[in-house]
Each structure stands twice: as structure tokens, then as C-alpha cells.
């Protein structure tokens, strides 16, 4: 099911895995998933190869060679 897959994405598609708090709510007849993830000092890699580092309120993309 799409929702189960979406809920597992932070664990399955990010390295190191994330452990979000997930809230479900209905808005105008549509199910909305809200993911809340605590701040992490680690750089995270997404399965598409991108690396993301959280800086203040933004995700900064980077290449692996720049992180060494």
C-alpha cells in the first residue's frame, strides 16, 4: 500500500535511517501524512545518491567528494 511505503521511506531510503514521528490527518477528504524529524548532526544520503545536510531551516545538497 502507498501509505505504508511512504511511512517506511525515512528508514528505507535514507542512510543513516531517520526515525520520524508520523501523524495522519484528513483535510478536505484527503489523507495527509505529517513527518516530524528531529535535528541530526549527520549528513544523510538518499537512495538516489544525493547527500543532504540540514542548515538552519534548509536542506543543503552536496556531493560525497565535498564531505570528506
PDB file of N, CA and C in Angstrom:
ATOM      1  N   UNK A   1       0.838  -1.183   0.000  1.00  0.00           N
ATOM      2  CA  UNK A   1       0.000   0.000   0.000  1.00  0.00           C
ATOM      3  C   UNK A   1       0.885   1.248   0.000  1.00  0.00           C
ATOM      4  N   UNK A   2       0.456   2.283  -0.690  1.00  0.00           N
ATOM      5  CA  UNK A   2       1.246   3.508  -0.841  1.00  0.00           C
ATOM      6  C   UNK A   2       1.575   4.157   0.497  1.00  0.00           C
ATOM      7  N   UNK A   3       0.609   4.206   1.414  1.00  0.00           N
ATOM      8  CA  UNK A   3       0.846   4.886   2.688  1.00  0.00           C
ATOM      9  C   UNK A   3       1.896   4.146   3.498  1.00  0.00           C
ATOM     10  N   UNK A   4       1.817   2.843   3.569  1.00  0.00           N
ATOM     11  CA  UNK A   4       2.827   2.069   4.302  1.00  0.00           C
ATOM     12  C   UNK A   4       4.208   2.300   3.713  1.00  0.00           C
ATOM     13  N   UNK A   5       4.309   2.316   2.410  1.00  0.00           N
ATOM     14  CA  UNK A   5       5.587   2.554   1.739  1.00  0.00           C
ATOM     15  C   UNK A   5       6.106   3.954   2.055  1.00  0.00           C
ATOM     16  N   UNK A   6       5.209   4.919   2.059  1.00  0.00           N
ATOM     17  CA  UNK A   6       5.601   6.296   2.390  1.00  0.00           C
ATOM     18  C   UNK A   6       6.075   6.400   3.829  1.00  0.00           C
ATOM     19  N   UNK A   7       5.404   5.707   4.726  1.00  0.00           N
ATOM     20  CA  UNK A   7       5.786   5.747   6.136  1.00  0.00           C
ATOM     21  C   UNK A   7       7.149   5.101   6.374  1.00  0.00           C
ATOM     22  N   UNK A   8       7.494   4.126   5.562  1.00  0.00           N
ATOM     23  CA  UNK A   8       8.789   3.442   5.716  1.00  0.00           C
ATOM     24  C   UNK A   8       9.932   4.139   4.991  1.00  0.00           C
ATOM     25  N   UNK A   9       9.636   5.093   4.135  1.00  0.00           N
ATOM     26  CA  UNK A   9      10.673   5.749   3.328  1.00  0.00           C
ATOM     27  C   UNK A   9      11.816   6.331   4.151  1.00  0.00           C
ATOM     28  N   UNK A  10      11.567   7.004   5.271  1.00  0.00           N
ATOM     29  CA  UNK A  10      12.702   7.554   6.032  1.00  0.00           C
ATOM     30  C   UNK A  10      13.669   6.485   6.546  1.00  0.00           C
ATOM     31  N   UNK A  11      13.186   5.271   6.759  1.00  0.00           N
ATOM     32  CA  UNK A  11      14.061   4.191   7.194  1.00  0.00           C
ATOM     33  C   UNK A  11      14.692   3.456   6.012  1.00  0.00           C
ATOM     34  N   UNK A  12      13.959   3.332   4.915  1.00  0.00           N
ATOM     35  CA  UNK A  12      14.408   2.522   3.783  1.00  0.00           C
ATOM     36  C   UNK A  12      15.138   3.297   2.695  1.00  0.00           C
ATOM     37  N   UNK A  13      14.947   4.604   2.617  1.00  0.00           N
ATOM     38  CA  UNK A  13      15.508   5.366   1.503  1.00  0.00           C
ATOM     39  C   UNK A  13      16.526   6.411   1.931  1.00  0.00           C
ATOM     40  N   UNK A  14      16.915   6.388   3.210  1.00  0.00           N
ATOM     41  CA  UNK A  14      17.870   7.361   3.739  1.00  0.00           C
ATOM     42  C   UNK A  14      18.922   6.619   4.551  1.00  0.00           C
ATOM     43  N   UNK A  15      20.182   7.014   4.375  1.00  0.00           N
ATOM     44  CA  UNK A  15      21.283   6.417   5.125  1.00  0.00           C
ATOM     45  C   UNK A  15      22.108   7.521   5.769  1.00  0.00           C
ATOM     46  N   UNK A  16      22.290   7.560   7.076  1.00  0.00           N
ATOM     47  CA  UNK A  16      21.696   6.671   8.066  1.00  0.00           C
ATOM     48  C   UNK A  16      20.189   6.894   8.148  1.00  0.00           C
ATOM     49  N   UNK A  17      19.455   5.843   8.521  1.00  0.00           N
ATOM     50  CA  UNK A  17      17.997   5.927   8.561  1.00  0.00           C
ATOM     51  C   UNK A  17      17.497   6.998   9.526  1.00  0.00           C
ATOM     52  N   UNK A  18      16.328   7.529   9.212  1.00  0.00           N
ATOM     53  CA  UNK A  18      15.669   8.511  10.070  1.00  0.00           C
ATOM     54  C   UNK A  18      14.507   7.837  10.797  1.00  0.00           C
ATOM     55  N   UNK A  19      14.182   8.344  11.963  1.00  0.00           N
ATOM     56  CA  UNK A  19      13.055   7.816  12.746  1.00  0.00           C
ATOM     57  C   UNK A  19      12.062   8.944  13.023  1.00  0.00           C
ATOM     58  N   UNK A  20      11.205   9.209  12.059  1.00  0.00           N
ATOM     59  CA  UNK A  20      10.266  10.326  12.236  1.00  0.00           C
ATOM     60  C   UNK A  20       9.071   9.960  13.112  1.00  0.00           C
ATOM     61  N   UNK A  21       8.447  10.974  13.637  1.00  0.00           N
ATOM     62  CA  UNK A  21       7.129  10.835  14.236  1.00  0.00           C
ATOM     63  C   UNK A  21       6.157  11.122  13.092  1.00  0.00           C
ATOM     64  N   UNK A  22       5.200  10.251  12.913  1.00  0.00           N
ATOM     65  CA  UNK A  22       4.272  10.390  11.787  1.00  0.00           C
ATOM     66  C   UNK A  22       2.864  10.603  12.324  1.00  0.00           C
ATOM     67  N   UNK A  23       2.237  11.655  11.832  1.00  0.00           N
ATOM     68  CA  UNK A  23       0.856  11.956  12.204  1.00  0.00           C
ATOM     69  C   UNK A  23       0.014  11.892  10.936  1.00  0.00           C
ATOM     70  N   UNK A  24      -1.150  11.291  11.052  1.00  0.00           N
ATOM     71  CA  UNK A  24      -2.084  11.216   9.928  1.00  0.00           C
ATOM     72  C   UNK A  24      -3.284  12.091  10.247  1.00  0.00           C
ATOM     73  N   UNK A  25      -3.702  12.876   9.270  1.00  0.00           N
ATOM     74  CA  UNK A  25      -4.914  13.674   9.457  1.00  0.00           C
ATOM     75  C   UNK A  25      -5.629  13.799   8.111  1.00  0.00           C
ATOM     76  N   UNK A  26      -6.901  14.063   8.182  1.00  0.00           N
ATOM     77  CA  UNK A  26      -7.723  14.226   6.988  1.00  0.00           C
ATOM     78  C   UNK A  26      -8.007  15.702   6.767  1.00  0.00           C
ATOM     79  N   UNK A  27      -7.788  16.160   5.544  1.00  0.00           N
ATOM     80  CA  UNK A  27      -8.071  17.538   5.162  1.00  0.00           C
ATOM     81  C   UNK A  27      -8.856  17.495   3.849  1.00  0.00           C
ATOM     82  N   UNK A  28     -10.025  18.057   3.867  1.00  0.00           N
ATOM     83  CA  UNK A  28     -10.885  18.080   2.671  1.00  0.00           C
ATOM     84  C   UNK A  28     -11.032  16.691   2.055  1.00  0.00           C
ATOM     85  N   UNK A  29     -11.187  15.679   2.899  1.00  0.00           N
ATOM     86  CA  UNK A  29     -11.392  14.320   2.418  1.00  0.00           C
ATOM     87  C   UNK A  29     -10.138  13.617   1.936  1.00  0.00           C
ATOM     88  N   UNK A  30      -8.972  14.222   2.141  1.00  0.00           N
ATOM     89  CA  UNK A  30      -7.706  13.615   1.708  1.00  0.00           C
ATOM     90  C   UNK A  30      -6.835  13.327   2.921  1.00  0.00           C
ATOM     91  N   UNK A  31      -6.195  12.160   2.902  1.00  0.00           N
ATOM     92  CA  UNK A  31      -5.306  11.782   3.992  1.00  0.00           C
ATOM     93  C   UNK A  31      -3.970  12.493   3.824  1.00  0.00           C
ATOM     94  N   UNK A  32      -3.534  13.175   4.860  1.00  0.00           N
ATOM     95  CA  UNK A  32      -2.266  13.902   4.865  1.00  0.00           C
ATOM     96  C   UNK A  32      -1.343  13.231   5.873  1.00  0.00           C
ATOM     97  N   UNK A  33      -0.111  12.945   5.465  1.00  0.00           N
ATOM     98  CA  UNK A  33       0.904  12.410   6.378  1.00  0.00           C
ATOM     99  C   UNK A  33       1.840  13.539   6.764  1.00  0.00           C
ATOM    100  N   UNK A  34       2.052  13.713   8.048  1.00  0.00           N
ATOM    101  CA  UNK A  34       2.961  14.743   8.549  1.00  0.00           C
ATOM    102  C   UNK A  34       4.146  14.035   9.186  1.00  0.00           C
ATOM    103  N   UNK A  35       5.339  14.278   8.646  1.00  0.00           N
ATOM    104  CA  UNK A  35       6.564  13.672   9.162  1.00  0.00           C
ATOM    105  C   UNK A  35       7.311  14.715   9.976  1.00  0.00           C
ATOM    106  N   UNK A  36       7.608  14.398  11.212  1.00  0.00           N
ATOM    107  CA  UNK A  36       8.404  15.289  12.058  1.00  0.00           C
ATOM    108  C   UNK A  36       9.690  14.552  12.410  1.00  0.00           C
ATOM    109  N   UNK A  37      10.815  15.152  12.013  1.00  0.00           N
ATOM    110  CA  UNK A  37      12.120  14.514  12.191  1.00  0.00           C
ATOM    111  C   UNK A  37      12.998  15.428  13.021  1.00  0.00           C
ATOM    112  N   UNK A  38      13.585  14.873  14.056  1.00  0.00           N
ATOM    113  CA  UNK A  38      14.486  15.651  14.902  1.00  0.00           C
ATOM    114  C   UNK A  38      15.733  16.052  14.134  1.00  0.00           C
ATOM    115  N   UNK A  39      16.353  17.134  14.583  1.00  0.00           N
ATOM    116  CA  UNK A  39      17.601  17.603  14.002  1.00  0.00           C
ATOM    117  C   UNK A  39      18.665  16.519  14.133  1.00  0.00           C
ATOM    118  N   UNK A  40      19.534  16.424  13.162  1.00  0.00           N
ATOM    119  CA  UNK A  40      20.625  15.451  13.187  1.00  0.00           C
ATOM    120  C   UNK A  40      21.910  16.134  12.748  1.00  0.00           C
ATOM    121  N   UNK A  41      23.011  15.879  13.439  1.00  0.00           N
ATOM    122  CA  UNK A  41      24.288  16.457  13.030  1.00  0.00           C
ATOM    123  C   UNK A  41      24.907  15.695  11.862  1.00  0.00           C
ATOM    124  N   UNK A  42      24.292  14.587  11.472  1.00  0.00           N
ATOM    125  CA  UNK A  42      24.847  13.725  10.430  1.00  0.00           C
ATOM    126  C   UNK A  42      24.420  14.185   9.042  1.00  0.00           C
ATOM    127  N   UNK A  43      25.252  13.868   8.070  1.00  0.00           N
ATOM    128  CA  UNK A  43      24.903  14.061   6.667  1.00  0.00           C
ATOM    129  C   UNK A  43      24.166  12.798   6.240  1.00  0.00           C
ATOM    130  N   UNK A  44      23.050  12.965   5.561  1.00  0.00           N
ATOM    131  CA  UNK A  44      22.233  11.821   5.158  1.00  0.00           C
ATOM    132  C   UNK A  44      22.265  11.659   3.648  1.00  0.00           C
ATOM    133  N   UNK A  45      22.380  10.401   3.212  1.00  0.00           N
ATOM    134  CA  UNK A  45      22.356  10.099   1.783  1.00  0.00           C
ATOM    135  C   UNK A  45      21.004   9.491   1.436  1.00  0.00           C
ATOM    136  N   UNK A  46      20.432   9.999   0.357  1.00  0.00           N
ATOM    137  CA  UNK A  46      19.171   9.474  -0.153  1.00  0.00           C
ATOM    138  C   UNK A  46      19.506   8.418  -1.201  1.00  0.00           C
ATOM    139  N   UNK A  47      18.624   7.450  -1.405  1.00  0.00           N
ATOM    140  CA  UNK A  47      18.912   6.351  -2.323  1.00  0.00           C
ATOM    141  C   UNK A  47      19.181   6.796  -3.754  1.00  0.00           C
ATOM    142  N   UNK A  48      18.811   8.015  -4.125  1.00  0.00           N
ATOM    143  CA  UNK A  48      19.130   8.490  -5.482  1.00  0.00           C
ATOM    144  C   UNK A  48      20.557   9.026  -5.570  1.00  0.00           C
ATOM    145  N   UNK A  49      21.326   8.931  -4.461  1.00  0.00           N
ATOM    146  CA  UNK A  49      22.733   9.326  -4.480  1.00  0.00           C
ATOM    147  C   UNK A  49      23.016  10.708  -3.923  1.00  0.00           C
ATOM    148  N   UNK A  50      21.978  11.518  -3.726  1.00  0.00           N
ATOM    149  CA  UNK A  50      22.199  12.857  -3.179  1.00  0.00           C
ATOM    150  C   UNK A  50      22.517  12.780  -1.690  1.00  0.00           C
ATOM    151  N   UNK A  51      23.305  13.749  -1.235  1.00  0.00           N
ATOM    152  CA  UNK A  51      23.594  13.910   0.184  1.00  0.00           C
ATOM    153  C   UNK A  51      22.941  15.202   0.644  1.00  0.00           C
ATOM    154  N   UNK A  52      22.320  15.168   1.820  1.00  0.00           N
ATOM    155  CA  UNK A  52      21.660  16.351   2.356  1.00  0.00           C
ATOM    156  C   UNK A  52      22.181  16.648   3.751  1.00  0.00           C
ATOM    157  N   UNK A  53      22.443  17.901   4.001  1.00  0.00           N
ATOM    158  CA  UNK A  53      22.854  18.375   5.314  1.00  0.00           C
ATOM    159  C   UNK A  53      21.897  19.485   5.705  1.00  0.00           C
ATOM    160  N   UNK A  54      21.303  19.371   6.875  1.00  0.00           N
ATOM    161  CA  UNK A  54      20.344  20.386   7.335  1.00  0.00           C
ATOM    162  C   UNK A  54      21.109  21.578   7.888  1.00  0.00           C
ATOM    163  N   UNK A  55      20.853  22.766   7.342  1.00  0.00           N
ATOM    164  CA  UNK A  55      21.468  24.011   7.804  1.00  0.00           C
ATOM    165  C   UNK A  55      20.333  24.984   8.113  1.00  0.00           C
ATOM    166  N   UNK A  56      20.164  25.288   9.387  1.00  0.00           N
ATOM    167  CA  UNK A  56      19.067  26.116   9.889  1.00  0.00           C
ATOM    168  C   UNK A  56      17.746  25.484   9.443  1.00  0.00           C
ATOM    169  N   UNK A  57      17.035  26.089   8.506  1.00  0.00           N
ATOM    170  CA  UNK A  57      15.748  25.552   8.052  1.00  0.00           C
ATOM    171  C   UNK A  57      15.789  25.040   6.623  1.00  0.00           C
ATOM    172  N   UNK A  58      16.970  24.766   6.109  1.00  0.00           N
ATOM    173  CA  UNK A  58      17.102  24.339   4.717  1.00  0.00           C
ATOM    174  C   UNK A  58      17.943  23.084   4.604  1.00  0.00           C
ATOM    175  N   UNK A  59      17.643  22.285   3.572  1.00  0.00           N
ATOM    176  CA  UNK A  59      18.490  21.147   3.232  1.00  0.00           C
ATOM    177  C   UNK A  59      19.495  21.614   2.199  1.00  0.00           C
ATOM    178  N   UNK A  60      20.766  21.392   2.455  1.00  0.00           N
ATOM    179  CA  UNK A  60      21.823  21.746   1.512  1.00  0.00           C
ATOM    180  C   UNK A  60      22.284  20.475   0.822  1.00  0.00           C
ATOM    181  N   UNK A  61      22.266  20.490  -0.498  1.00  0.00           N
ATOM    182  CA  UNK A  61      22.744  19.341  -1.268  1.00  0.00           C
ATOM    183  C   UNK A  61      24.253  19.404  -1.379  1.00  0.00           C
ATOM    184  N   UNK A  62      24.865  18.235  -1.430  1.00  0.00           N
ATOM    185  CA  UNK A  62      26.310  18.185  -1.563  1.00  0.00           C
ATOM    186  C   UNK A  62      26.704  16.895  -2.253  1.00  0.00           C
ATOM    187  N   UNK A  63      27.881  16.897  -2.846  1.00  0.00           N
ATOM    188  CA  UNK A  63      28.445  15.679  -3.424  1.00  0.00           C
ATOM    189  C   UNK A  63      29.309  15.021  -2.366  1.00  0.00           C
ATOM    190  N   UNK A  64      29.464  13.719  -2.454  1.00  0.00           N
ATOM    191  CA  UNK A  64      30.248  12.976  -1.464  1.00  0.00           C
ATOM    192  C   UNK A  64      31.673  13.488  -1.393  1.00  0.00           C
ATOM    193  N   UNK A  65      32.251  13.888  -2.506  1.00  0.00           N
ATOM    194  CA  UNK A  65      33.644  14.344  -2.506  1.00  0.00           C
ATOM    195  C   UNK A  65      33.828  15.614  -1.690  1.00  0.00           C
ATOM    196  N   UNK A  66      32.774  16.418  -1.542  1.00  0.00           N
ATOM    197  CA  UNK A  66      32.876  17.651  -0.766  1.00  0.00           C
ATOM    198  C   UNK A  66      32.708  17.413   0.728  1.00  0.00           C
ATOM    199  N   UNK A  67      32.273  16.218   1.102  1.00  0.00           N
ATOM    200  CA  UNK A  67      32.003  15.921   2.504  1.00  0.00           C
ATOM    201  C   UNK A  67      33.190  15.290   3.214  1.00  0.00           C
ATOM    202  N   UNK A  68      34.188  14.901   2.471  1.00  0.00           N
ATOM    203  CA  UNK A  68      35.353  14.224   3.068  1.00  0.00           C
ATOM    204  C   UNK A  68      36.273  15.219   3.724  1.00  0.00           C
TER     205      UNK A  68
END
